[in-house]
PDB file of N, CA and C in Angstrom:
ATOM      1  N   MET A   1     -20.884  13.501 -27.648  1.00  0.00           N
ATOM      2  CA  MET A   1     -19.876  14.452 -27.229  1.00  0.00           C
ATOM      3  C   MET A   1     -20.174  14.974 -25.824  1.00  0.00           C
ATOM      4  N   GLN A   2     -21.451  15.172 -25.511  1.00  0.00           N
ATOM      5  CA  GLN A   2     -21.815  15.699 -24.204  1.00  0.00           C
ATOM      6  C   GLN A   2     -21.435  14.715 -23.103  1.00  0.00           C
ATOM      7  N   ASN A   3     -21.655  13.410 -23.358  1.00  0.00           N
ATOM      8  CA  ASN A   3     -21.296  12.396 -22.382  1.00  0.00           C
ATOM      9  C   ASN A   3     -19.786  12.388 -22.155  1.00  0.00           C
ATOM     10  N   ARG A   4     -19.009  12.579 -23.221  1.00  0.00           N
ATOM     11  CA  ARG A   4     -17.554  12.615 -23.110  1.00  0.00           C
ATOM     12  C   ARG A   4     -17.113  13.801 -22.254  1.00  0.00           C
ATOM     13  N   ASN A   5     -17.774  14.936 -22.437  1.00  0.00           N
ATOM     14  CA  ASN A   5     -17.446  16.118 -21.632  1.00  0.00           C
ATOM     15  C   ASN A   5     -17.745  15.880 -20.159  1.00  0.00           C
ATOM     16  N   LYS A   6     -18.852  15.179 -19.868  1.00  0.00           N
ATOM     17  CA  LYS A   6     -19.177  14.847 -18.484  1.00  0.00           C
ATOM     18  C   LYS A   6     -18.102  13.941 -17.889  1.00  0.00           C
ATOM     19  N   LEU A   7     -17.654  12.969 -18.675  1.00  0.00           N
ATOM     20  CA  LEU A   7     -16.604  12.065 -18.207  1.00  0.00           C
ATOM     21  C   LEU A   7     -15.313  12.828 -17.925  1.00  0.00           C
ATOM     22  N   ILE A   8     -14.966  13.752 -18.807  1.00  0.00           N
ATOM     23  CA  ILE A   8     -13.753  14.547 -18.615  1.00  0.00           C
ATOM     24  C   ILE A   8     -13.879  15.410 -17.367  1.00  0.00           C
ATOM     25  N   ASN A   9     -15.047  16.027 -17.164  1.00  0.00           N
ATOM     26  CA  ASN A   9     -15.259  16.838 -15.958  1.00  0.00           C
ATOM     27  C   ASN A   9     -15.158  15.985 -14.700  1.00  0.00           C
ATOM     28  N   SER A  10     -15.719  14.789 -14.749  1.00  0.00           N
ATOM     29  CA  SER A  10     -15.637  13.888 -13.602  1.00  0.00           C
ATOM     30  C   SER A  10     -14.199  13.435 -13.351  1.00  0.00           C
ATOM     31  N   LEU A  11     -13.461  13.177 -14.419  1.00  0.00           N
ATOM     32  CA  LEU A  11     -12.052  12.799 -14.298  1.00  0.00           C
ATOM     33  C   LEU A  11     -11.264  13.914 -13.616  1.00  0.00           C
ATOM     34  N   VAL A  12     -11.420  15.124 -14.097  1.00  0.00           N
ATOM     35  CA  VAL A  12     -10.705  16.276 -13.534  1.00  0.00           C
ATOM     36  C   VAL A  12     -11.105  16.495 -12.077  1.00  0.00           C
ATOM     37  N   GLY A  13     -12.383  16.371 -11.794  1.00  0.00           N
ATOM     38  CA  GLY A  13     -12.855  16.543 -10.418  1.00  0.00           C
ATOM     39  C   GLY A  13     -12.247  15.528  -9.468  1.00  0.00           C
ATOM     40  N   ASN A  14     -12.191  14.274  -9.888  1.00  0.00           N
ATOM     41  CA  ASN A  14     -11.620  13.239  -9.029  1.00  0.00           C
ATOM     42  C   ASN A  14     -10.113  13.384  -8.884  1.00  0.00           C
ATOM     43  N   LEU A  15      -9.438  13.781  -9.947  1.00  0.00           N
ATOM     44  CA  LEU A  15      -7.990  14.020  -9.835  1.00  0.00           C
ATOM     45  C   LEU A  15      -7.717  15.197  -8.897  1.00  0.00           C
ATOM     46  N   SER A  16      -8.527  16.244  -9.008  1.00  0.00           N
ATOM     47  CA  SER A  16      -8.373  17.395  -8.115  1.00  0.00           C
ATOM     48  C   SER A  16      -8.609  16.995  -6.667  1.00  0.00           C
ATOM     49  N   ASN A  17      -9.620  16.199  -6.443  1.00  0.00           N
ATOM     50  CA  ASN A  17      -9.930  15.721  -5.102  1.00  0.00           C
ATOM     51  C   ASN A  17      -8.765  14.895  -4.546  1.00  0.00           C
ATOM     52  N   ALA A  18      -8.166  14.062  -5.385  1.00  0.00           N
ATOM     53  CA  ALA A  18      -7.034  13.249  -4.954  1.00  0.00           C
ATOM     54  C   ALA A  18      -5.847  14.131  -4.557  1.00  0.00           C
ATOM     55  N   VAL A  19      -5.576  15.157  -5.332  1.00  0.00           N
ATOM     56  CA  VAL A  19      -4.462  16.065  -5.035  1.00  0.00           C
ATOM     57  C   VAL A  19      -4.713  16.800  -3.722  1.00  0.00           C
ATOM     58  N   ILE A  20      -5.925  17.307  -3.544  1.00  0.00           N
ATOM     59  CA  ILE A  20      -6.262  18.026  -2.305  1.00  0.00           C
ATOM     60  C   ILE A  20      -6.090  17.117  -1.096  1.00  0.00           C
ATOM     61  N   HIS A  21      -6.548  15.882  -1.209  1.00  0.00           N
ATOM     62  CA  HIS A  21      -6.433  14.967  -0.073  1.00  0.00           C
ATOM     63  C   HIS A  21      -4.975  14.573   0.193  1.00  0.00           C
ATOM     64  N   ALA A  22      -4.162  14.517  -0.844  1.00  0.00           N
ATOM     65  CA  ALA A  22      -2.736  14.247  -0.637  1.00  0.00           C
ATOM     66  C   ALA A  22      -2.095  15.396   0.138  1.00  0.00           C
ATOM     67  N   ILE A  23      -2.451  16.614  -0.207  1.00  0.00           N
ATOM     68  CA  ILE A  23      -1.919  17.794   0.491  1.00  0.00           C
ATOM     69  C   ILE A  23      -2.393  17.810   1.938  1.00  0.00           C
ATOM     70  N   LEU A  24      -3.696  17.553   2.135  1.00  0.00           N
ATOM     71  CA  LEU A  24      -4.236  17.537   3.498  1.00  0.00           C
ATOM     72  C   LEU A  24      -3.599  16.430   4.339  1.00  0.00           C
ATOM     73  N   GLU A  25      -3.370  15.280   3.723  1.00  0.00           N
ATOM     74  CA  GLU A  25      -2.734  14.176   4.444  1.00  0.00           C
ATOM     75  C   GLU A  25      -1.345  14.578   4.939  1.00  0.00           C
ATOM     76  N   LYS A  26      -0.579  15.219   4.077  1.00  0.00           N
ATOM     77  CA  LYS A  26       0.773  15.662   4.456  1.00  0.00           C
ATOM     78  C   LYS A  26       0.713  16.737   5.542  1.00  0.00           C
ATOM     79  N   ALA A  27      -0.296  17.604   5.466  1.00  0.00           N
ATOM     80  CA  ALA A  27      -0.404  18.709   6.416  1.00  0.00           C
ATOM     81  C   ALA A  27      -0.720  18.237   7.830  1.00  0.00           C
ATOM     82  N   VAL A  28      -1.474  17.164   7.959  1.00  0.00           N
ATOM     83  CA  VAL A  28      -1.876  16.709   9.294  1.00  0.00           C
ATOM     84  C   VAL A  28      -1.195  15.415   9.729  1.00  0.00           C
ATOM     85  N   SER A  29      -0.340  14.853   8.895  1.00  0.00           N
ATOM     86  CA  SER A  29       0.218  13.532   9.188  1.00  0.00           C
ATOM     87  C   SER A  29       1.006  13.489  10.495  1.00  0.00           C
ATOM     88  N   GLU A  30       1.641  14.580  10.862  1.00  0.00           N
ATOM     89  CA  GLU A  30       2.440  14.598  12.088  1.00  0.00           C
ATOM     90  C   GLU A  30       1.587  14.752  13.343  1.00  0.00           C
ATOM     91  N   THR A  31       0.487  15.476  13.233  1.00  0.00           N
ATOM     92  CA  THR A  31      -0.306  15.789  14.421  1.00  0.00           C
ATOM     93  C   THR A  31      -1.534  14.896  14.591  1.00  0.00           C
ATOM     94  N   GLU A  32      -2.194  14.572  13.521  1.00  0.00           N
ATOM     95  CA  GLU A  32      -3.447  13.813  13.587  1.00  0.00           C
ATOM     96  C   GLU A  32      -3.368  12.576  12.705  1.00  0.00           C
ATOM     97  N   LYS A  33      -2.833  11.491  13.238  1.00  0.00           N
ATOM     98  CA  LYS A  33      -2.654  10.266  12.458  1.00  0.00           C
ATOM     99  C   LYS A  33      -3.988   9.710  11.940  1.00  0.00           C
ATOM    100  N   GLU A  34      -5.028   9.753  12.772  1.00  0.00           N
ATOM    101  CA  GLU A  34      -6.325   9.203  12.361  1.00  0.00           C
ATOM    102  C   GLU A  34      -6.907   9.956  11.170  1.00  0.00           C
ATOM    103  N   ILE A  35      -6.789  11.261  11.189  1.00  0.00           N
ATOM    104  CA  ILE A  35      -7.300  12.070  10.082  1.00  0.00           C
ATOM    105  C   ILE A  35      -6.461  11.820   8.827  1.00  0.00           C
ATOM    106  N   ALA A  36      -5.158  11.700   8.986  1.00  0.00           N
ATOM    107  CA  ALA A  36      -4.275  11.445   7.846  1.00  0.00           C
ATOM    108  C   ALA A  36      -4.633  10.129   7.164  1.00  0.00           C
ATOM    109  N   VAL A  37      -4.996   9.126   7.954  1.00  0.00           N
ATOM    110  CA  VAL A  37      -5.391   7.834   7.385  1.00  0.00           C
ATOM    111  C   VAL A  37      -6.662   7.988   6.549  1.00  0.00           C
ATOM    112  N   ARG A  38      -7.607   8.782   7.040  1.00  0.00           N
ATOM    113  CA  ARG A  38      -8.847   9.016   6.287  1.00  0.00           C
ATOM    114  C   ARG A  38      -8.572   9.777   4.989  1.00  0.00           C
ATOM    115  N   TYR A  39      -7.697  10.769   5.049  1.00  0.00           N
ATOM    116  CA  TYR A  39      -7.338  11.508   3.839  1.00  0.00           C
ATOM    117  C   TYR A  39      -6.664  10.586   2.827  1.00  0.00           C
ATOM    118  N   ASN A  40      -5.812   9.698   3.307  1.00  0.00           N
ATOM    119  CA  ASN A  40      -5.135   8.763   2.411  1.00  0.00           C
ATOM    120  C   ASN A  40      -6.142   7.825   1.753  1.00  0.00           C
ATOM    121  N   LYS A  41      -7.115   7.364   2.503  1.00  0.00           N
ATOM    122  CA  LYS A  41      -8.150   6.483   1.950  1.00  0.00           C
ATOM    123  C   LYS A  41      -8.945   7.216   0.879  1.00  0.00           C
ATOM    124  N   GLU A  42      -9.318   8.465   1.147  1.00  0.00           N
ATOM    125  CA  GLU A  42     -10.071   9.251   0.167  1.00  0.00           C
ATOM    126  C   GLU A  42      -9.231   9.525  -1.073  1.00  0.00           C
ATOM    127  N   LEU A  43      -7.943   9.764  -0.897  1.00  0.00           N
ATOM    128  CA  LEU A  43      -7.033   9.971  -2.024  1.00  0.00           C
ATOM    129  C   LEU A  43      -7.046   8.750  -2.932  1.00  0.00           C
ATOM    130  N   LYS A  44      -6.893   7.569  -2.349  1.00  0.00           N
ATOM    131  CA  LYS A  44      -6.872   6.335  -3.137  1.00  0.00           C
ATOM    132  C   LYS A  44      -8.198   6.103  -3.854  1.00  0.00           C
ATOM    133  N   THR A  45      -9.299   6.359  -3.157  1.00  0.00           N
ATOM    134  CA  THR A  45     -10.614   6.174  -3.760  1.00  0.00           C
ATOM    135  C   THR A  45     -10.808   7.111  -4.950  1.00  0.00           C
ATOM    136  N   SER A  46     -10.490   8.384  -4.762  1.00  0.00           N
ATOM    137  CA  SER A  46     -10.648   9.363  -5.846  1.00  0.00           C
ATOM    138  C   SER A  46      -9.763   9.025  -7.033  1.00  0.00           C
ATOM    139  N   PHE A  47      -8.547   8.586  -6.768  1.00  0.00           N
ATOM    140  CA  PHE A  47      -7.629   8.253  -7.857  1.00  0.00           C
ATOM    141  C   PHE A  47      -8.117   7.020  -8.615  1.00  0.00           C
ATOM    142  N   ASP A  48      -8.639   6.032  -7.902  1.00  0.00           N
ATOM    143  CA  ASP A  48      -9.172   4.840  -8.568  1.00  0.00           C
ATOM    144  C   ASP A  48     -10.379   5.181  -9.441  1.00  0.00           C
ATOM    145  N   VAL A  49     -11.248   6.043  -8.947  1.00  0.00           N
ATOM    146  CA  VAL A  49     -12.402   6.473  -9.733  1.00  0.00           C
ATOM    147  C   VAL A  49     -11.929   7.247 -10.964  1.00  0.00           C
ATOM    148  N   ALA A  50     -10.935   8.108 -10.790  1.00  0.00           N
ATOM    149  CA  ALA A  50     -10.403   8.884 -11.917  1.00  0.00           C
ATOM    150  C   ALA A  50      -9.815   7.958 -12.984  1.00  0.00           C
ATOM    151  N   LYS A  51      -9.153   6.894 -12.552  1.00  0.00           N
ATOM    152  CA  LYS A  51      -8.603   5.935 -13.525  1.00  0.00           C
ATOM    153  C   LYS A  51      -9.714   5.253 -14.315  1.00  0.00           C
ATOM    154  N   ARG A  52     -10.828   4.959 -13.663  1.00  0.00           N
ATOM    155  CA  ARG A  52     -11.958   4.338 -14.376  1.00  0.00           C
ATOM    156  C   ARG A  52     -12.558   5.318 -15.392  1.00  0.00           C
ATOM    157  N   TYR A  53     -12.665   6.594 -15.012  1.00  0.00           N
ATOM    158  CA  TYR A  53     -13.153   7.592 -15.965  1.00  0.00           C
ATOM    159  C   TYR A  53     -12.199   7.730 -17.143  1.00  0.00           C
ATOM    160  N   ARG A  54     -10.925   7.706 -16.870  1.00  0.00           N
ATOM    161  CA  ARG A  54      -9.924   7.823 -17.937  1.00  0.00           C
ATOM    162  C   ARG A  54     -10.058   6.653 -18.908  1.00  0.00           C
ATOM    163  N   GLU A  55     -10.312   5.473 -18.393  1.00  0.00           N
ATOM    164  CA  GLU A  55     -10.476   4.289 -19.238  1.00  0.00           C
ATOM    165  C   GLU A  55     -11.729   4.414 -20.104  1.00  0.00           C
ATOM    166  N   LYS A  56     -12.782   5.032 -19.580  1.00  0.00           N
ATOM    167  CA  LYS A  56     -13.998   5.225 -20.367  1.00  0.00           C
ATOM    168  C   LYS A  56     -13.795   6.260 -21.461  1.00  0.00           C
ATOM    169  N   ILE A  57     -12.992   7.278 -21.182  1.00  0.00           N
ATOM    170  CA  ILE A  57     -12.753   8.341 -22.160  1.00  0.00           C
ATOM    171  C   ILE A  57     -11.933   7.825 -23.327  1.00  0.00           C
ATOM    172  N   ASN A  58     -10.864   7.105 -23.025  1.00  0.00           N
ATOM    173  CA  ASN A  58     -10.002   6.564 -24.073  1.00  0.00           C
ATOM    174  C   ASN A  58      -9.429   5.234 -23.592  1.00  0.00           C
ATOM    175  N   PRO A  59     -10.081   4.129 -23.952  1.00  0.00           N
ATOM    176  CA  PRO A  59      -9.616   2.816 -23.502  1.00  0.00           C
ATOM    177  C   PRO A  59      -8.163   2.553 -23.883  1.00  0.00           C
ATOM    178  N   LYS A  60      -7.478   1.825 -23.016  1.00  0.00           N
ATOM    179  CA  LYS A  60      -6.046   1.573 -23.193  1.00  0.00           C
ATOM    180  C   LYS A  60      -5.715   0.889 -24.510  1.00  0.00           C
ATOM    181  N   LEU A  61      -6.553  -0.018 -24.947  1.00  0.00           N
ATOM    182  CA  LEU A  61      -6.229  -0.810 -26.138  1.00  0.00           C
ATOM    183  C   LEU A  61      -6.696  -0.189 -27.438  1.00  0.00           C
ATOM    184  N   SER A  62      -7.320   0.961 -27.379  1.00  0.00           N
ATOM    185  CA  SER A  62      -7.747   1.613 -28.608  1.00  0.00           C
ATOM    186  C   SER A  62      -6.798   2.772 -28.933  1.00  0.00           C
ATOM    187  N   PRO A  63      -6.616   3.061 -30.211  1.00  0.00           N
ATOM    188  CA  PRO A  63      -5.728   4.177 -30.587  1.00  0.00           C
ATOM    189  C   PRO A  63      -6.347   5.514 -30.187  1.00  0.00           C
ATOM    190  N   LEU A  64      -5.497   6.494 -29.963  1.00  0.00           N
ATOM    191  CA  LEU A  64      -5.953   7.831 -29.635  1.00  0.00           C
ATOM    192  C   LEU A  64      -6.683   8.423 -30.835  1.00  0.00           C
ATOM    193  N   LEU A  65      -7.828   9.032 -30.586  1.00  0.00           N
ATOM    194  CA  LEU A  65      -8.597   9.631 -31.675  1.00  0.00           C
ATOM    195  C   LEU A  65      -7.798  10.752 -32.327  1.00  0.00           C
ATOM    196  N   GLU A  66      -7.986  10.917 -33.610  1.00  0.00           N
ATOM    197  CA  GLU A  66      -7.242  11.932 -34.377  1.00  0.00           C
ATOM    198  C   GLU A  66      -7.470  13.331 -33.798  1.00  0.00           C
ATOM    199  N   LYS A  67      -8.703  13.641 -33.378  1.00  0.00           N
ATOM    200  CA  LYS A  67      -8.992  14.979 -32.849  1.00  0.00           C
ATOM    201  C   LYS A  67      -8.333  15.226 -31.508  1.00  0.00           C
ATOM    202  N   ASP A  68      -7.931  14.146 -30.795  1.00  0.00           N
ATOM    203  CA  ASP A  68      -7.271  14.284 -29.497  1.00  0.00           C
ATOM    204  C   ASP A  68      -5.750  14.291 -29.606  1.00  0.00           C
ATOM    205  N   ALA A  69      -5.233  13.973 -30.767  1.00  0.00           N
ATOM    206  CA  ALA A  69      -3.790  13.884 -30.927  1.00  0.00           C
ATOM    207  C   ALA A  69      -3.133  15.235 -30.971  1.00  0.00           C
TER     208      ALA A  69
END
């Protein structure tokens, strides 16, 4: 259970990071193109990592656990 909680915390952290970078990208996209590109790259990286954590928490091909339903 403790490992699952760590995975959930990591998932939430990476999703939060992705959202923040999306906001930052939009905020600077007009003035600083180079910075916006870096924010976009970080957004994609964080989202990809979050998807991997999500797959570890509840794999796509397995049914949802009764306690999570």
